[in-house]
């Protein structure tokens, strides 16, 4: 889906209190304030990203912003933030739902029990993120690779169903508007079975 899909929302920064500019970030390699554990974690992240062919943005020392391309959710923007004691992982999933809040949050909570490394969480506005922490001593290139794979898998596999539950009315309105204007329905195709029908999404 694209960012114009109902519920896709913003991907330009993490929520919570540990995002870049909100929590103290370490310096780069060679910085006197960089601990050996932080240096090893940064090196492991750089090795993992290079192995995956991903080029991160580095808005500030200790912070890596990575774009993970998917199929259902076309891009999952993911932060890797090296802190004093742990690596913080955070990825925007979708904005707060418009409707069916109980079903929407139950859907996410049921999945949390089956997930590795990260879990679904809310920011104060109710927007949904995938978040997790890993002790710096456990940060290796293989573990970073595994965490990013989990983020992409959980984001991509659950995206359409979450939107169908929490944004069904918006999707129907968008469908009707595009049909009326003769515009493409390609990125709404996963919702075709209910988008033109009254009732709640599944």
N, C-alpha and C. Protein backbone atom coordinates (compact mmCIF):
# COMPACT_ATOMS: atom_id res chain seq x y z
N UNK A 1 0.84 -1.19 0.00
CA UNK A 1 0.00 0.00 0.00
C UNK A 1 0.88 1.25 0.00
N UNK A 2 0.33 2.34 -0.39
CA UNK A 2 1.07 3.58 -0.37
C UNK A 2 0.62 4.42 0.80
N UNK A 3 1.32 5.56 1.02
CA UNK A 3 0.97 6.41 2.15
C UNK A 3 -0.40 7.03 1.99
N UNK A 4 -1.02 6.97 0.79
CA UNK A 4 -2.35 7.51 0.60
C UNK A 4 -3.44 6.54 1.04
N UNK A 5 -3.06 5.30 1.38
CA UNK A 5 -4.03 4.34 1.87
C UNK A 5 -4.53 4.77 3.24
N UNK A 6 -5.83 4.72 3.51
CA UNK A 6 -6.32 5.09 4.84
C UNK A 6 -5.58 4.33 5.93
N UNK A 7 -5.12 5.06 6.94
CA UNK A 7 -4.44 4.43 8.06
C UNK A 7 -2.94 4.35 7.92
N UNK A 8 -2.42 4.57 6.69
CA UNK A 8 -0.98 4.45 6.51
C UNK A 8 -0.23 5.47 7.34
N UNK A 9 -0.75 6.70 7.39
CA UNK A 9 -0.21 7.70 8.29
C UNK A 9 1.20 8.14 7.95
N UNK A 10 1.87 8.69 8.97
CA UNK A 10 3.21 9.27 8.80
C UNK A 10 4.29 8.25 9.12
N UNK A 11 5.45 8.39 8.49
CA UNK A 11 6.58 7.52 8.78
C UNK A 11 7.84 8.32 9.05
N UNK A 12 7.69 9.59 9.43
CA UNK A 12 8.87 10.44 9.48
C UNK A 12 9.54 10.51 10.83
N UNK A 13 9.16 9.68 11.78
CA UNK A 13 9.88 9.69 13.05
C UNK A 13 9.22 8.79 14.06
N UNK A 14 9.99 8.33 15.04
CA UNK A 14 9.45 7.44 16.04
C UNK A 14 8.66 8.18 17.09
N UNK A 15 7.79 7.45 17.79
CA UNK A 15 7.06 8.04 18.90
C UNK A 15 7.71 7.67 20.21
N UNK A 16 7.08 8.04 21.32
CA UNK A 16 7.62 7.72 22.62
C UNK A 16 8.70 8.68 23.04
N UNK A 17 9.39 8.36 24.14
CA UNK A 17 10.37 9.27 24.71
C UNK A 17 11.80 8.91 24.37
N UNK A 18 11.99 7.84 23.61
CA UNK A 18 13.35 7.40 23.32
C UNK A 18 13.76 7.65 21.87
N UNK A 19 13.00 8.44 21.14
CA UNK A 19 13.33 8.71 19.75
C UNK A 19 14.49 9.67 19.64
N UNK A 20 15.10 9.79 18.44
CA UNK A 20 16.19 10.72 18.23
C UNK A 20 15.80 12.13 18.65
N UNK A 21 16.70 12.80 19.35
CA UNK A 21 16.44 14.15 19.81
C UNK A 21 15.72 14.19 21.14
N UNK A 22 15.31 13.02 21.64
CA UNK A 22 14.60 12.96 22.92
C UNK A 22 15.41 12.20 23.96
N UNK A 23 16.12 11.17 23.54
CA UNK A 23 17.00 10.45 24.46
C UNK A 23 18.43 10.76 24.08
N UNK A 24 19.31 10.75 25.06
CA UNK A 24 20.71 11.04 24.77
C UNK A 24 21.30 10.01 23.83
N UNK A 25 21.98 10.45 22.80
CA UNK A 25 22.56 9.53 21.82
C UNK A 25 24.07 9.50 21.98
N UNK A 26 24.70 8.35 21.75
CA UNK A 26 26.14 8.25 21.87
C UNK A 26 26.84 8.90 20.69
N UNK A 27 28.11 9.10 20.82
CA UNK A 27 28.88 9.63 19.70
C UNK A 27 29.25 8.54 18.72
N UNK A 28 29.89 8.90 17.64
CA UNK A 28 30.35 7.94 16.66
C UNK A 28 31.68 7.34 17.12
N UNK A 29 32.13 6.33 16.37
CA UNK A 29 33.42 5.72 16.68
C UNK A 29 34.49 6.80 16.70
N UNK A 30 35.35 6.74 17.70
CA UNK A 30 36.38 7.75 17.83
C UNK A 30 35.99 8.86 18.79
N UNK A 31 34.71 8.97 19.11
CA UNK A 31 34.24 9.95 20.07
C UNK A 31 34.66 9.48 21.46
N UNK A 32 35.28 10.35 22.26
CA UNK A 32 35.72 9.94 23.59
C UNK A 32 34.57 9.45 24.47
N UNK A 33 33.33 9.89 24.18
CA UNK A 33 32.20 9.49 24.99
C UNK A 33 31.61 8.16 24.59
N UNK A 34 32.10 7.54 23.52
CA UNK A 34 31.56 6.27 23.04
C UNK A 34 32.13 5.11 23.85
N UNK A 35 31.27 4.32 24.46
CA UNK A 35 31.75 3.17 25.23
C UNK A 35 32.10 2.03 24.29
N UNK A 36 32.93 1.09 24.75
CA UNK A 36 33.25 -0.07 23.90
C UNK A 36 32.00 -0.84 23.47
N UNK A 37 31.02 -0.98 24.37
CA UNK A 37 29.80 -1.70 24.01
C UNK A 37 29.03 -0.97 22.93
N UNK A 38 28.97 0.36 23.01
CA UNK A 38 28.27 1.14 21.98
C UNK A 38 29.01 1.05 20.65
N UNK A 39 30.33 1.09 20.69
CA UNK A 39 31.12 0.99 19.46
C UNK A 39 30.90 -0.37 18.80
N UNK A 40 30.87 -1.43 19.59
CA UNK A 40 30.64 -2.76 19.02
C UNK A 40 29.23 -2.86 18.44
N UNK A 41 28.24 -2.26 19.12
CA UNK A 41 26.87 -2.31 18.61
C UNK A 41 26.75 -1.55 17.29
N UNK A 42 27.34 -0.36 17.21
CA UNK A 42 27.29 0.40 15.96
C UNK A 42 27.95 -0.37 14.83
N UNK A 43 29.10 -0.99 15.11
CA UNK A 43 29.80 -1.76 14.09
C UNK A 43 28.95 -2.94 13.61
N UNK A 44 28.26 -3.59 14.55
CA UNK A 44 27.40 -4.73 14.19
C UNK A 44 26.23 -4.27 13.32
N UNK A 45 25.64 -3.12 13.66
CA UNK A 45 24.53 -2.58 12.86
C UNK A 45 25.02 -2.25 11.45
N UNK A 46 26.15 -1.57 11.36
CA UNK A 46 26.69 -1.20 10.04
C UNK A 46 26.99 -2.45 9.21
N UNK A 47 27.52 -3.49 9.84
CA UNK A 47 27.81 -4.74 9.13
C UNK A 47 26.53 -5.39 8.63
N UNK A 48 25.51 -5.42 9.49
CA UNK A 48 24.24 -6.04 9.10
C UNK A 48 23.58 -5.29 7.95
N UNK A 49 23.55 -3.98 8.04
CA UNK A 49 22.91 -3.19 6.99
C UNK A 49 23.65 -3.32 5.67
N UNK A 50 24.97 -3.34 5.74
CA UNK A 50 25.76 -3.52 4.51
C UNK A 50 25.46 -4.88 3.89
N UNK A 51 25.35 -5.90 4.72
CA UNK A 51 25.05 -7.24 4.21
C UNK A 51 23.69 -7.35 3.57
N UNK A 52 22.75 -6.52 4.04
CA UNK A 52 21.40 -6.51 3.49
C UNK A 52 21.24 -5.54 2.33
N UNK A 53 22.29 -4.79 2.04
CA UNK A 53 22.22 -3.81 0.96
C UNK A 53 21.37 -2.61 1.31
N UNK A 54 21.25 -2.29 2.60
CA UNK A 54 20.45 -1.16 3.05
C UNK A 54 21.36 0.01 3.41
N UNK A 55 21.00 1.18 2.91
CA UNK A 55 21.76 2.40 3.21
C UNK A 55 20.95 3.24 4.19
N UNK A 56 21.39 3.36 5.43
CA UNK A 56 20.60 4.09 6.41
C UNK A 56 20.80 5.59 6.35
N UNK A 57 19.83 6.33 6.85
CA UNK A 57 20.05 7.73 7.16
C UNK A 57 20.65 7.79 8.56
N UNK A 58 21.55 8.76 8.79
CA UNK A 58 22.17 8.92 10.10
C UNK A 58 21.90 10.34 10.59
N UNK A 59 20.66 10.62 11.06
CA UNK A 59 20.31 11.98 11.44
C UNK A 59 21.11 12.51 12.62
N UNK A 60 21.62 11.61 13.45
CA UNK A 60 22.48 12.02 14.54
C UNK A 60 23.28 10.80 15.00
N UNK A 61 24.37 11.01 15.71
CA UNK A 61 25.18 9.88 16.15
C UNK A 61 24.37 8.87 16.94
N UNK A 62 24.62 7.60 16.65
CA UNK A 62 23.94 6.52 17.36
C UNK A 62 22.59 6.15 16.80
N UNK A 63 22.12 6.86 15.77
CA UNK A 63 20.78 6.62 15.22
C UNK A 63 20.87 6.19 13.76
N UNK A 64 20.15 5.13 13.43
CA UNK A 64 20.08 4.62 12.07
C UNK A 64 18.61 4.57 11.67
N UNK A 65 18.24 5.20 10.56
CA UNK A 65 16.89 5.14 10.03
C UNK A 65 16.93 4.34 8.73
N UNK A 66 16.20 3.23 8.72
CA UNK A 66 16.28 2.28 7.61
C UNK A 66 14.90 2.11 6.97
N UNK A 67 14.87 2.08 5.66
CA UNK A 67 13.63 1.84 4.93
C UNK A 67 13.58 0.36 4.53
N UNK A 68 12.58 -0.36 5.06
CA UNK A 68 12.41 -1.77 4.74
C UNK A 68 11.29 -1.92 3.73
N UNK A 69 11.58 -2.31 2.51
CA UNK A 69 10.53 -2.44 1.49
C UNK A 69 9.73 -3.73 1.68
N UNK A 70 8.40 -3.60 1.55
CA UNK A 70 7.54 -4.77 1.68
C UNK A 70 6.62 -4.89 0.48
N UNK A 71 5.62 -5.76 0.60
CA UNK A 71 4.66 -5.98 -0.47
C UNK A 71 3.30 -5.37 -0.14
N UNK A 72 2.79 -5.62 1.05
CA UNK A 72 1.50 -5.04 1.45
C UNK A 72 1.68 -3.62 1.98
N UNK A 73 2.61 -3.46 2.91
CA UNK A 73 3.02 -2.13 3.36
C UNK A 73 4.32 -1.84 2.64
N UNK A 74 4.28 -0.92 1.69
CA UNK A 74 5.39 -0.78 0.76
C UNK A 74 6.69 -0.34 1.42
N UNK A 75 6.60 0.39 2.52
CA UNK A 75 7.81 0.83 3.22
C UNK A 75 7.54 0.88 4.71
N UNK A 76 8.41 0.23 5.48
CA UNK A 76 8.37 0.32 6.93
C UNK A 76 9.64 1.04 7.38
N UNK A 77 9.47 2.27 7.85
CA UNK A 77 10.61 3.06 8.30
C UNK A 77 10.97 2.64 9.71
N UNK A 78 12.22 2.22 9.89
CA UNK A 78 12.64 1.60 11.15
C UNK A 78 13.86 2.30 11.73
N UNK A 79 13.74 2.65 13.02
CA UNK A 79 14.85 3.26 13.75
C UNK A 79 15.61 2.20 14.53
N UNK A 80 16.93 2.28 14.46
CA UNK A 80 17.83 1.52 15.34
C UNK A 80 18.63 2.58 16.11
N UNK A 81 18.43 2.62 17.43
CA UNK A 81 19.03 3.69 18.23
C UNK A 81 19.90 3.06 19.31
N UNK A 82 21.19 3.32 19.25
CA UNK A 82 22.14 2.78 20.22
C UNK A 82 22.12 3.66 21.46
N UNK A 83 21.64 3.10 22.56
CA UNK A 83 21.58 3.84 23.82
C UNK A 83 22.72 3.48 24.74
N UNK A 84 22.61 3.89 25.99
CA UNK A 84 23.67 3.63 26.97
C UNK A 84 23.79 2.16 27.31
N UNK A 85 22.64 1.48 27.45
CA UNK A 85 22.65 0.08 27.84
C UNK A 85 22.02 -0.85 26.81
N UNK A 86 21.25 -0.32 25.87
CA UNK A 86 20.50 -1.19 24.97
C UNK A 86 20.33 -0.57 23.59
N UNK A 87 19.98 -1.44 22.65
CA UNK A 87 19.60 -1.01 21.31
C UNK A 87 18.08 -0.90 21.27
N UNK A 88 17.58 0.27 20.91
CA UNK A 88 16.13 0.50 20.80
C UNK A 88 15.74 0.35 19.34
N UNK A 89 14.71 -0.45 19.08
CA UNK A 89 14.19 -0.68 17.73
C UNK A 89 12.77 -0.14 17.68
N UNK A 90 12.47 0.66 16.68
CA UNK A 90 11.12 1.24 16.59
C UNK A 90 10.74 1.48 15.14
N UNK A 91 9.53 1.05 14.78
CA UNK A 91 9.04 1.20 13.41
C UNK A 91 7.58 1.62 13.43
N UNK A 92 7.24 2.62 12.65
CA UNK A 92 5.84 3.05 12.54
C UNK A 92 5.05 1.98 11.79
N UNK A 93 3.87 1.63 12.35
CA UNK A 93 3.00 0.64 11.71
C UNK A 93 1.80 1.32 11.05
N UNK A 94 0.97 2.01 11.83
CA UNK A 94 -0.15 2.76 11.28
C UNK A 94 -0.66 3.75 12.33
N UNK A 95 -1.47 4.70 11.86
CA UNK A 95 -2.02 5.67 12.79
C UNK A 95 -3.16 5.04 13.59
N UNK A 96 -3.65 5.75 14.59
CA UNK A 96 -4.72 5.23 15.43
C UNK A 96 -5.96 4.92 14.57
N UNK A 97 -6.68 3.86 14.91
CA UNK A 97 -7.83 3.45 14.08
C UNK A 97 -8.97 4.45 14.16
N UNK A 98 -9.77 4.48 13.10
CA UNK A 98 -10.95 5.34 13.06
C UNK A 98 -12.14 4.69 13.75
N UNK A 99 -12.16 3.37 13.81
CA UNK A 99 -13.35 2.64 14.27
C UNK A 99 -12.95 1.26 14.78
N UNK A 100 -13.91 0.53 15.33
CA UNK A 100 -13.71 -0.86 15.79
C UNK A 100 -12.46 -0.98 16.65
N UNK A 101 -12.31 -0.05 17.60
CA UNK A 101 -11.09 0.00 18.41
C UNK A 101 -10.85 -1.31 19.17
N UNK A 102 -11.88 -1.89 19.75
CA UNK A 102 -11.70 -3.12 20.51
C UNK A 102 -11.16 -4.24 19.63
N UNK A 103 -11.77 -4.43 18.47
CA UNK A 103 -11.31 -5.48 17.55
C UNK A 103 -9.90 -5.21 17.06
N UNK A 104 -9.62 -3.95 16.77
CA UNK A 104 -8.31 -3.56 16.25
C UNK A 104 -7.21 -3.88 17.26
N UNK A 105 -7.39 -3.43 18.51
CA UNK A 105 -6.35 -3.64 19.51
C UNK A 105 -6.28 -5.10 19.94
N UNK A 106 -7.40 -5.80 19.94
CA UNK A 106 -7.37 -7.24 20.23
C UNK A 106 -6.56 -7.97 19.17
N UNK A 107 -6.75 -7.61 17.92
CA UNK A 107 -6.01 -8.21 16.82
C UNK A 107 -4.50 -8.06 17.06
N UNK A 108 -4.06 -6.86 17.45
CA UNK A 108 -2.63 -6.63 17.67
C UNK A 108 -2.13 -7.38 18.90
N UNK A 109 -2.91 -7.36 19.99
CA UNK A 109 -2.48 -8.03 21.21
C UNK A 109 -2.36 -9.53 21.01
N UNK A 110 -3.25 -10.11 20.24
CA UNK A 110 -3.16 -11.55 19.98
C UNK A 110 -1.88 -11.90 19.24
N UNK A 111 -1.41 -11.00 18.42
CA UNK A 111 -0.18 -11.25 17.67
C UNK A 111 1.06 -11.03 18.53
N UNK A 112 0.97 -10.15 19.51
CA UNK A 112 2.13 -9.88 20.36
C UNK A 112 2.69 -11.14 21.02
N UNK A 113 1.82 -12.05 21.40
CA UNK A 113 2.28 -13.27 22.07
C UNK A 113 3.04 -14.22 21.18
N UNK A 114 3.02 -13.98 19.87
CA UNK A 114 3.67 -14.88 18.92
C UNK A 114 4.91 -14.25 18.28
N UNK A 115 5.32 -13.08 18.78
CA UNK A 115 6.36 -12.31 18.10
C UNK A 115 7.70 -12.38 18.81
N UNK A 116 8.76 -12.19 18.04
CA UNK A 116 10.13 -12.22 18.57
C UNK A 116 10.76 -10.84 18.45
N UNK A 117 11.37 -10.39 19.53
CA UNK A 117 12.22 -9.19 19.46
C UNK A 117 11.51 -7.86 19.53
N UNK A 118 10.34 -7.77 18.92
CA UNK A 118 9.56 -6.53 18.93
C UNK A 118 8.10 -6.88 19.20
N UNK A 119 7.32 -5.87 19.58
CA UNK A 119 5.90 -6.06 19.82
C UNK A 119 5.15 -4.80 19.41
N UNK A 120 3.85 -4.91 19.23
CA UNK A 120 3.03 -3.75 18.92
C UNK A 120 2.82 -2.92 20.18
N UNK A 121 2.91 -1.60 20.04
CA UNK A 121 2.71 -0.67 21.15
C UNK A 121 2.12 0.62 20.62
N UNK A 122 1.56 1.43 21.53
CA UNK A 122 0.93 2.69 21.17
C UNK A 122 1.73 3.86 21.69
N UNK A 123 1.70 4.98 20.96
CA UNK A 123 2.23 6.22 21.49
C UNK A 123 1.08 6.97 22.17
N UNK A 124 1.34 8.12 22.78
CA UNK A 124 0.27 8.82 23.51
C UNK A 124 -0.92 9.21 22.64
N UNK A 125 -0.73 9.35 21.33
CA UNK A 125 -1.84 9.69 20.43
C UNK A 125 -2.63 8.47 19.98
N UNK A 126 -2.14 7.27 20.29
CA UNK A 126 -2.83 6.05 19.88
C UNK A 126 -2.31 5.47 18.58
N UNK A 127 -1.29 6.10 17.97
CA UNK A 127 -0.68 5.53 16.77
C UNK A 127 0.10 4.27 17.14
N UNK A 128 0.24 3.36 16.19
CA UNK A 128 0.79 2.03 16.47
C UNK A 128 2.21 1.91 15.93
N UNK A 129 3.08 1.37 16.77
CA UNK A 129 4.48 1.13 16.40
C UNK A 129 4.86 -0.30 16.75
N UNK A 130 5.89 -0.78 16.09
CA UNK A 130 6.60 -1.99 16.51
C UNK A 130 7.82 -1.53 17.29
N UNK A 131 7.98 -2.00 18.52
CA UNK A 131 9.08 -1.55 19.36
C UNK A 131 9.74 -2.74 20.05
N UNK A 132 11.02 -2.56 20.39
CA UNK A 132 11.74 -3.59 21.11
C UNK A 132 13.07 -3.06 21.62
N UNK A 133 13.67 -3.79 22.54
CA UNK A 133 14.98 -3.45 23.09
C UNK A 133 15.85 -4.69 23.15
N UNK A 134 17.13 -4.47 22.94
CA UNK A 134 18.10 -5.56 22.99
C UNK A 134 19.32 -5.07 23.75
N UNK A 135 19.78 -5.81 24.78
CA UNK A 135 20.99 -5.39 25.49
C UNK A 135 22.16 -5.23 24.52
N UNK A 136 22.98 -4.22 24.75
CA UNK A 136 24.10 -3.99 23.83
C UNK A 136 25.01 -5.21 23.71
N UNK A 137 25.16 -5.95 24.79
CA UNK A 137 26.02 -7.14 24.75
C UNK A 137 25.49 -8.20 23.80
N UNK A 138 24.20 -8.14 23.47
CA UNK A 138 23.59 -9.14 22.58
C UNK A 138 23.50 -8.67 21.14
N UNK A 139 23.96 -7.45 20.86
CA UNK A 139 23.85 -6.90 19.51
C UNK A 139 24.97 -7.45 18.64
N UNK A 140 24.59 -8.27 17.68
CA UNK A 140 25.51 -8.79 16.66
C UNK A 140 24.91 -8.53 15.30
N UNK A 141 25.71 -8.68 14.25
CA UNK A 141 25.20 -8.48 12.90
C UNK A 141 24.06 -9.46 12.61
N UNK A 142 24.20 -10.71 13.04
CA UNK A 142 23.16 -11.71 12.80
C UNK A 142 21.87 -11.35 13.54
N UNK A 143 22.00 -10.84 14.78
CA UNK A 143 20.80 -10.51 15.55
C UNK A 143 20.10 -9.28 14.97
N UNK A 144 20.87 -8.31 14.49
CA UNK A 144 20.26 -7.14 13.85
C UNK A 144 19.54 -7.57 12.58
N UNK A 145 20.15 -8.45 11.81
CA UNK A 145 19.51 -8.99 10.61
C UNK A 145 18.19 -9.67 10.97
N UNK A 146 18.22 -10.46 12.03
CA UNK A 146 17.02 -11.17 12.46
C UNK A 146 15.93 -10.20 12.92
N UNK A 147 16.31 -9.19 13.69
CA UNK A 147 15.33 -8.20 14.17
C UNK A 147 14.68 -7.44 13.02
N UNK A 148 15.49 -7.03 12.05
CA UNK A 148 14.93 -6.30 10.91
C UNK A 148 14.01 -7.20 10.11
N UNK A 149 14.36 -8.47 9.98
CA UNK A 149 13.49 -9.41 9.29
C UNK A 149 12.16 -9.58 10.00
N UNK A 150 12.20 -9.60 11.34
CA UNK A 150 10.97 -9.70 12.11
C UNK A 150 10.11 -8.45 11.95
N UNK A 151 10.73 -7.28 12.03
CA UNK A 151 9.99 -6.03 11.85
C UNK A 151 9.28 -6.03 10.51
N UNK A 152 10.00 -6.36 9.45
CA UNK A 152 9.40 -6.37 8.12
C UNK A 152 8.28 -7.39 8.02
N UNK A 153 8.51 -8.58 8.55
CA UNK A 153 7.50 -9.63 8.47
C UNK A 153 6.23 -9.25 9.23
N UNK A 154 6.37 -8.77 10.47
CA UNK A 154 5.20 -8.43 11.27
C UNK A 154 4.46 -7.23 10.68
N UNK A 155 5.19 -6.27 10.16
CA UNK A 155 4.55 -5.10 9.57
C UNK A 155 3.81 -5.47 8.29
N UNK A 156 4.47 -6.20 7.43
CA UNK A 156 3.90 -6.51 6.13
C UNK A 156 2.73 -7.49 6.23
N UNK A 157 2.88 -8.52 7.07
CA UNK A 157 1.85 -9.56 7.15
C UNK A 157 0.57 -9.10 7.83
N UNK A 158 0.67 -8.14 8.73
CA UNK A 158 -0.50 -7.72 9.51
C UNK A 158 -1.15 -6.43 9.02
N UNK A 159 -0.51 -5.76 8.07
CA UNK A 159 -0.93 -4.41 7.68
C UNK A 159 -2.34 -4.37 7.10
N UNK A 160 -2.59 -5.17 6.07
CA UNK A 160 -3.89 -5.10 5.41
C UNK A 160 -5.04 -5.49 6.33
N UNK A 161 -4.83 -6.51 7.15
CA UNK A 161 -5.91 -6.93 8.04
C UNK A 161 -6.19 -5.86 9.10
N UNK A 162 -5.14 -5.23 9.60
CA UNK A 162 -5.33 -4.15 10.58
C UNK A 162 -6.12 -3.00 9.96
N UNK A 163 -5.78 -2.63 8.73
CA UNK A 163 -6.51 -1.55 8.06
C UNK A 163 -7.96 -1.93 7.81
N UNK A 164 -8.19 -3.18 7.43
CA UNK A 164 -9.55 -3.62 7.16
C UNK A 164 -10.42 -3.56 8.41
N UNK A 165 -9.82 -3.74 9.58
CA UNK A 165 -10.58 -3.67 10.83
C UNK A 165 -10.78 -2.22 11.26
N UNK A 166 -9.70 -1.45 11.29
CA UNK A 166 -9.74 -0.12 11.88
C UNK A 166 -10.06 1.03 10.96
N UNK A 167 -10.09 0.77 9.65
CA UNK A 167 -10.30 1.86 8.69
C UNK A 167 -11.27 1.46 7.58
N UNK A 168 -12.20 0.55 7.88
CA UNK A 168 -13.10 0.02 6.85
C UNK A 168 -13.92 1.13 6.19
N UNK A 169 -14.47 2.04 6.97
CA UNK A 169 -15.30 3.10 6.39
C UNK A 169 -14.48 4.02 5.50
N UNK A 170 -13.28 4.35 5.95
CA UNK A 170 -12.40 5.21 5.14
C UNK A 170 -12.03 4.53 3.82
N UNK A 171 -11.78 3.23 3.89
CA UNK A 171 -11.44 2.49 2.68
C UNK A 171 -12.62 2.47 1.71
N UNK A 172 -13.84 2.28 2.23
CA UNK A 172 -15.02 2.30 1.35
C UNK A 172 -15.21 3.67 0.71
N UNK A 173 -15.00 4.73 1.48
CA UNK A 173 -15.14 6.07 0.91
C UNK A 173 -14.09 6.32 -0.16
N UNK A 174 -12.87 5.87 0.10
CA UNK A 174 -11.80 6.04 -0.88
C UNK A 174 -12.10 5.24 -2.15
N UNK A 175 -12.61 4.02 -1.97
CA UNK A 175 -12.99 3.17 -3.11
C UNK A 175 -14.06 3.86 -3.96
N UNK A 176 -15.12 4.35 -3.31
CA UNK A 176 -16.21 5.00 -4.03
C UNK A 176 -15.73 6.25 -4.76
N UNK A 177 -14.86 7.02 -4.10
CA UNK A 177 -14.34 8.24 -4.72
C UNK A 177 -13.53 7.92 -5.97
N UNK A 178 -12.70 6.88 -5.89
CA UNK A 178 -11.88 6.51 -7.05
C UNK A 178 -12.74 5.96 -8.18
N UNK A 179 -13.75 5.15 -7.84
CA UNK A 179 -14.65 4.62 -8.87
C UNK A 179 -15.36 5.77 -9.59
N UNK A 180 -15.84 6.72 -8.83
CA UNK A 180 -16.55 7.87 -9.41
C UNK A 180 -15.66 8.66 -10.35
N UNK A 181 -14.39 8.80 -10.01
CA UNK A 181 -13.45 9.58 -10.82
C UNK A 181 -12.72 8.74 -11.86
N UNK A 182 -12.97 7.44 -11.87
CA UNK A 182 -12.31 6.57 -12.83
C UNK A 182 -10.83 6.38 -12.56
N UNK A 183 -10.44 6.49 -11.28
CA UNK A 183 -9.03 6.36 -10.92
C UNK A 183 -8.70 4.92 -10.53
N UNK A 184 -7.39 4.64 -10.50
CA UNK A 184 -6.91 3.28 -10.24
C UNK A 184 -7.31 2.80 -8.85
N UNK A 185 -7.71 1.53 -8.79
CA UNK A 185 -8.02 0.87 -7.52
C UNK A 185 -6.94 -0.13 -7.15
N UNK A 186 -5.79 -0.06 -7.82
CA UNK A 186 -4.76 -1.09 -7.67
C UNK A 186 -4.34 -1.29 -6.22
N UNK A 187 -4.05 -0.20 -5.51
CA UNK A 187 -3.54 -0.40 -4.15
C UNK A 187 -4.65 -0.64 -3.12
N UNK A 188 -5.90 -0.64 -3.58
CA UNK A 188 -7.02 -1.02 -2.72
C UNK A 188 -7.52 -2.43 -3.04
N UNK A 189 -6.88 -3.10 -3.99
CA UNK A 189 -7.33 -4.42 -4.42
C UNK A 189 -7.47 -5.42 -3.28
N UNK A 190 -6.60 -5.42 -2.25
CA UNK A 190 -6.77 -6.39 -1.16
C UNK A 190 -8.08 -6.23 -0.40
N UNK A 191 -8.74 -5.07 -0.55
CA UNK A 191 -9.97 -4.80 0.19
C UNK A 191 -11.20 -4.88 -0.70
N UNK A 192 -11.04 -5.40 -1.91
CA UNK A 192 -12.12 -5.38 -2.89
C UNK A 192 -13.36 -6.16 -2.43
N UNK A 193 -13.15 -7.21 -1.63
CA UNK A 193 -14.28 -8.06 -1.25
C UNK A 193 -15.27 -7.36 -0.32
N UNK A 194 -14.82 -6.27 0.34
CA UNK A 194 -15.78 -5.55 1.19
C UNK A 194 -15.84 -4.06 0.91
N UNK A 195 -14.91 -3.51 0.14
CA UNK A 195 -14.81 -2.06 0.00
C UNK A 195 -16.03 -1.43 -0.63
N UNK A 196 -16.70 -2.13 -1.52
CA UNK A 196 -17.89 -1.56 -2.16
C UNK A 196 -19.19 -1.99 -1.50
N UNK A 197 -19.06 -2.66 -0.34
CA UNK A 197 -20.25 -3.18 0.35
C UNK A 197 -20.44 -2.48 1.70
N UNK A 198 -21.67 -2.33 2.17
CA UNK A 198 -21.89 -1.81 3.52
C UNK A 198 -21.50 -2.83 4.57
N UNK A 199 -21.29 -2.39 5.79
CA UNK A 199 -20.95 -3.29 6.89
C UNK A 199 -19.52 -3.07 7.33
N UNK A 200 -19.04 -3.86 8.26
CA UNK A 200 -17.70 -3.70 8.83
C UNK A 200 -16.71 -4.57 8.12
N UNK A 201 -15.42 -4.11 8.17
CA UNK A 201 -14.35 -4.86 7.53
C UNK A 201 -14.01 -6.08 8.33
N UNK A 202 -13.19 -6.97 7.73
CA UNK A 202 -12.77 -8.19 8.40
C UNK A 202 -11.25 -8.24 8.40
